[in-house]
Amino acid sequence: MNNSSAETFANARVTYTVEINGKLIIIENVPARVSVRTGEQFFAPETVEQIHRIVNGDRSPARTVSATIFEFAA
């Protein structure tokens, strides 16, 4: 295998966003492995489970923000 084509990953804390029932949910400081080349984010199974618990639980958010939304039109 040619080492110059090997994918390189870095441990990082990322912001995870998801829209559920028209509501935007942002989770900050999520541990991830991030591709240095593409920026693609990979999450450990236990991290995904924690995200599901946060999104589906009764936990109060750390804060609430307002967002501006635009439609993409050609």
N, C-alpha and C. Protein backbone atom coordinates (compact mmCIF):
# COMPACT_ATOMS: atom_id res chain seq x y z
N MET A 1 0.85 -1.18 0.00
CA MET A 1 0.00 0.00 0.00
C MET A 1 0.89 1.24 0.00
N ASN A 2 0.52 2.20 -0.80
CA ASN A 2 1.27 3.44 -0.91
C ASN A 2 0.88 4.37 0.23
N ASN A 3 1.83 4.71 1.12
CA ASN A 3 1.54 5.55 2.28
C ASN A 3 1.12 6.97 1.92
N SER A 4 1.49 7.45 0.71
CA SER A 4 1.13 8.81 0.34
C SER A 4 -0.38 8.95 0.10
N SER A 5 -1.07 7.83 -0.14
CA SER A 5 -2.51 7.90 -0.37
C SER A 5 -3.30 7.53 0.88
N ALA A 6 -2.60 7.23 1.99
CA ALA A 6 -3.29 6.85 3.22
C ALA A 6 -4.05 8.05 3.79
N GLU A 7 -5.23 7.79 4.26
CA GLU A 7 -6.07 8.84 4.85
C GLU A 7 -5.51 9.21 6.22
N THR A 8 -5.49 10.50 6.52
CA THR A 8 -5.03 10.99 7.81
C THR A 8 -6.21 11.59 8.56
N PHE A 9 -6.33 11.21 9.82
CA PHE A 9 -7.42 11.71 10.65
C PHE A 9 -6.86 12.43 11.87
N ALA A 10 -7.63 13.38 12.36
CA ALA A 10 -7.25 14.12 13.56
C ALA A 10 -8.42 14.06 14.54
N ASN A 11 -8.10 13.93 15.82
CA ASN A 11 -9.13 14.03 16.85
C ASN A 11 -9.51 15.49 16.99
N ALA A 12 -10.80 15.75 17.06
CA ALA A 12 -11.26 17.14 17.15
C ALA A 12 -12.58 17.20 17.90
N ARG A 13 -12.96 18.39 18.29
CA ARG A 13 -14.28 18.67 18.85
C ARG A 13 -15.02 19.46 17.77
N VAL A 14 -16.20 18.97 17.38
CA VAL A 14 -16.94 19.58 16.28
C VAL A 14 -18.33 20.01 16.74
N THR A 15 -19.00 20.77 15.91
CA THR A 15 -20.38 21.15 16.15
C THR A 15 -21.25 20.28 15.26
N TYR A 16 -22.20 19.57 15.88
CA TYR A 16 -23.10 18.65 15.18
C TYR A 16 -24.46 19.33 15.07
N THR A 17 -25.02 19.38 13.87
CA THR A 17 -26.34 19.98 13.69
C THR A 17 -27.28 18.97 13.06
N VAL A 18 -28.54 19.05 13.46
CA VAL A 18 -29.58 18.18 12.91
C VAL A 18 -30.90 18.93 12.97
N GLU A 19 -31.76 18.70 11.97
CA GLU A 19 -33.09 19.30 11.98
C GLU A 19 -34.10 18.18 12.24
N ILE A 20 -34.92 18.37 13.26
CA ILE A 20 -35.94 17.39 13.62
C ILE A 20 -37.27 18.12 13.72
N ASN A 21 -38.23 17.68 12.93
CA ASN A 21 -39.57 18.30 12.92
C ASN A 21 -39.50 19.81 12.74
N GLY A 22 -38.64 20.27 11.85
CA GLY A 22 -38.52 21.69 11.57
C GLY A 22 -37.74 22.48 12.61
N LYS A 23 -37.22 21.80 13.62
CA LYS A 23 -36.46 22.47 14.68
C LYS A 23 -34.97 22.14 14.53
N LEU A 24 -34.15 23.18 14.43
CA LEU A 24 -32.71 23.00 14.30
C LEU A 24 -32.10 22.77 15.67
N ILE A 25 -31.34 21.69 15.80
CA ILE A 25 -30.67 21.37 17.06
C ILE A 25 -29.16 21.39 16.81
N ILE A 26 -28.44 22.09 17.67
CA ILE A 26 -26.99 22.23 17.56
C ILE A 26 -26.37 21.66 18.83
N ILE A 27 -25.42 20.75 18.65
CA ILE A 27 -24.69 20.19 19.79
C ILE A 27 -23.22 20.55 19.59
N GLU A 28 -22.68 21.28 20.54
CA GLU A 28 -21.29 21.74 20.44
C GLU A 28 -20.34 20.79 21.16
N ASN A 29 -19.08 20.86 20.77
CA ASN A 29 -17.98 20.13 21.42
C ASN A 29 -18.14 18.61 21.37
N VAL A 30 -18.61 18.10 20.24
CA VAL A 30 -18.79 16.66 20.06
C VAL A 30 -17.46 16.06 19.61
N PRO A 31 -16.96 15.03 20.31
CA PRO A 31 -15.69 14.41 19.89
C PRO A 31 -15.88 13.66 18.57
N ALA A 32 -14.91 13.85 17.66
CA ALA A 32 -14.98 13.20 16.35
C ALA A 32 -13.59 12.94 15.82
N ARG A 33 -13.52 12.04 14.86
CA ARG A 33 -12.30 11.85 14.06
C ARG A 33 -12.60 12.56 12.75
N VAL A 34 -11.73 13.47 12.35
CA VAL A 34 -11.98 14.29 11.17
C VAL A 34 -10.89 14.03 10.13
N SER A 35 -11.33 13.75 8.90
CA SER A 35 -10.38 13.56 7.80
C SER A 35 -9.67 14.87 7.53
N VAL A 36 -8.35 14.84 7.54
CA VAL A 36 -7.56 16.04 7.27
C VAL A 36 -7.75 16.47 5.82
N ARG A 37 -7.93 15.50 4.93
CA ARG A 37 -8.05 15.79 3.50
C ARG A 37 -9.44 16.31 3.13
N THR A 38 -10.51 15.68 3.62
CA THR A 38 -11.87 16.00 3.18
C THR A 38 -12.71 16.75 4.21
N GLY A 39 -12.32 16.70 5.48
CA GLY A 39 -13.11 17.32 6.53
C GLY A 39 -14.27 16.45 7.00
N GLU A 40 -14.42 15.25 6.40
CA GLU A 40 -15.50 14.35 6.81
C GLU A 40 -15.34 13.97 8.27
N GLN A 41 -16.47 13.91 8.98
CA GLN A 41 -16.46 13.64 10.42
C GLN A 41 -16.96 12.23 10.69
N PHE A 42 -16.27 11.54 11.60
CA PHE A 42 -16.66 10.20 12.00
C PHE A 42 -16.81 10.18 13.51
N PHE A 43 -17.89 9.52 13.97
CA PHE A 43 -18.21 9.49 15.40
C PHE A 43 -18.17 8.06 15.92
N ALA A 44 -17.64 7.90 17.12
CA ALA A 44 -17.63 6.59 17.79
C ALA A 44 -19.07 6.20 18.12
N PRO A 45 -19.36 4.90 18.17
CA PRO A 45 -20.73 4.46 18.50
C PRO A 45 -21.26 5.05 19.80
N GLU A 46 -20.43 5.15 20.82
CA GLU A 46 -20.90 5.70 22.10
C GLU A 46 -21.21 7.20 21.98
N THR A 47 -20.52 7.89 21.08
CA THR A 47 -20.81 9.30 20.84
C THR A 47 -22.17 9.44 20.16
N VAL A 48 -22.44 8.58 19.18
CA VAL A 48 -23.73 8.60 18.48
C VAL A 48 -24.86 8.32 19.47
N GLU A 49 -24.66 7.37 20.37
CA GLU A 49 -25.67 7.07 21.39
C GLU A 49 -25.93 8.28 22.28
N GLN A 50 -24.88 8.99 22.67
CA GLN A 50 -25.02 10.18 23.50
C GLN A 50 -25.76 11.29 22.74
N ILE A 51 -25.48 11.45 21.46
CA ILE A 51 -26.19 12.43 20.64
C ILE A 51 -27.68 12.11 20.63
N HIS A 52 -28.02 10.83 20.44
CA HIS A 52 -29.43 10.42 20.45
C HIS A 52 -30.09 10.71 21.79
N ARG A 53 -29.37 10.47 22.88
CA ARG A 53 -29.92 10.76 24.21
C ARG A 53 -30.17 12.25 24.39
N ILE A 54 -29.24 13.07 23.92
CA ILE A 54 -29.39 14.53 24.04
C ILE A 54 -30.59 15.00 23.21
N VAL A 55 -30.68 14.56 21.97
CA VAL A 55 -31.73 15.00 21.06
C VAL A 55 -33.11 14.54 21.53
N ASN A 56 -33.20 13.32 22.04
CA ASN A 56 -34.49 12.74 22.42
C ASN A 56 -34.84 12.91 23.89
N GLY A 57 -33.93 13.47 24.67
CA GLY A 57 -34.16 13.58 26.11
C GLY A 57 -34.87 14.85 26.52
N ASP A 58 -34.99 15.00 27.81
CA ASP A 58 -35.67 16.16 28.39
C ASP A 58 -34.67 17.20 28.91
N ARG A 59 -33.43 17.06 28.54
CA ARG A 59 -32.38 17.95 29.01
C ARG A 59 -32.60 19.38 28.52
N SER A 60 -32.36 20.34 29.38
CA SER A 60 -32.48 21.75 28.99
C SER A 60 -31.25 22.16 28.19
N PRO A 61 -31.44 22.97 27.15
CA PRO A 61 -30.29 23.41 26.35
C PRO A 61 -29.40 24.37 27.13
N ALA A 62 -28.13 24.41 26.76
CA ALA A 62 -27.18 25.34 27.39
C ALA A 62 -27.56 26.78 27.07
N ARG A 63 -28.05 26.99 25.87
CA ARG A 63 -28.53 28.31 25.45
C ARG A 63 -29.36 28.14 24.18
N THR A 64 -30.07 29.18 23.80
CA THR A 64 -30.89 29.18 22.58
C THR A 64 -30.41 30.32 21.70
N VAL A 65 -30.33 30.05 20.39
CA VAL A 65 -29.88 31.06 19.44
C VAL A 65 -30.94 31.24 18.35
N SER A 66 -30.89 32.37 17.69
CA SER A 66 -31.77 32.65 16.55
C SER A 66 -30.96 32.38 15.28
N ALA A 67 -31.63 31.92 14.22
CA ALA A 67 -30.93 31.63 12.98
C ALA A 67 -31.66 32.27 11.81
N THR A 68 -30.90 32.76 10.84
CA THR A 68 -31.45 33.29 9.61
C THR A 68 -31.36 32.21 8.55
N ILE A 69 -32.45 31.97 7.83
CA ILE A 69 -32.49 30.88 6.86
C ILE A 69 -32.82 31.44 5.49
N PHE A 70 -32.06 31.03 4.49
CA PHE A 70 -32.29 31.44 3.11
C PHE A 70 -32.61 30.21 2.27
N GLU A 71 -33.42 30.37 1.23
CA GLU A 71 -33.65 29.33 0.24
C GLU A 71 -32.60 29.51 -0.85
N PHE A 72 -32.04 28.41 -1.33
CA PHE A 72 -31.11 28.48 -2.45
C PHE A 72 -31.93 28.52 -3.72
N ALA A 73 -31.75 29.57 -4.51
CA ALA A 73 -32.48 29.69 -5.77
C ALA A 73 -31.49 30.06 -6.87
N ALA A 74 -31.61 29.35 -7.98
CA ALA A 74 -30.69 29.60 -9.11
C ALA A 74 -31.17 30.75 -9.95
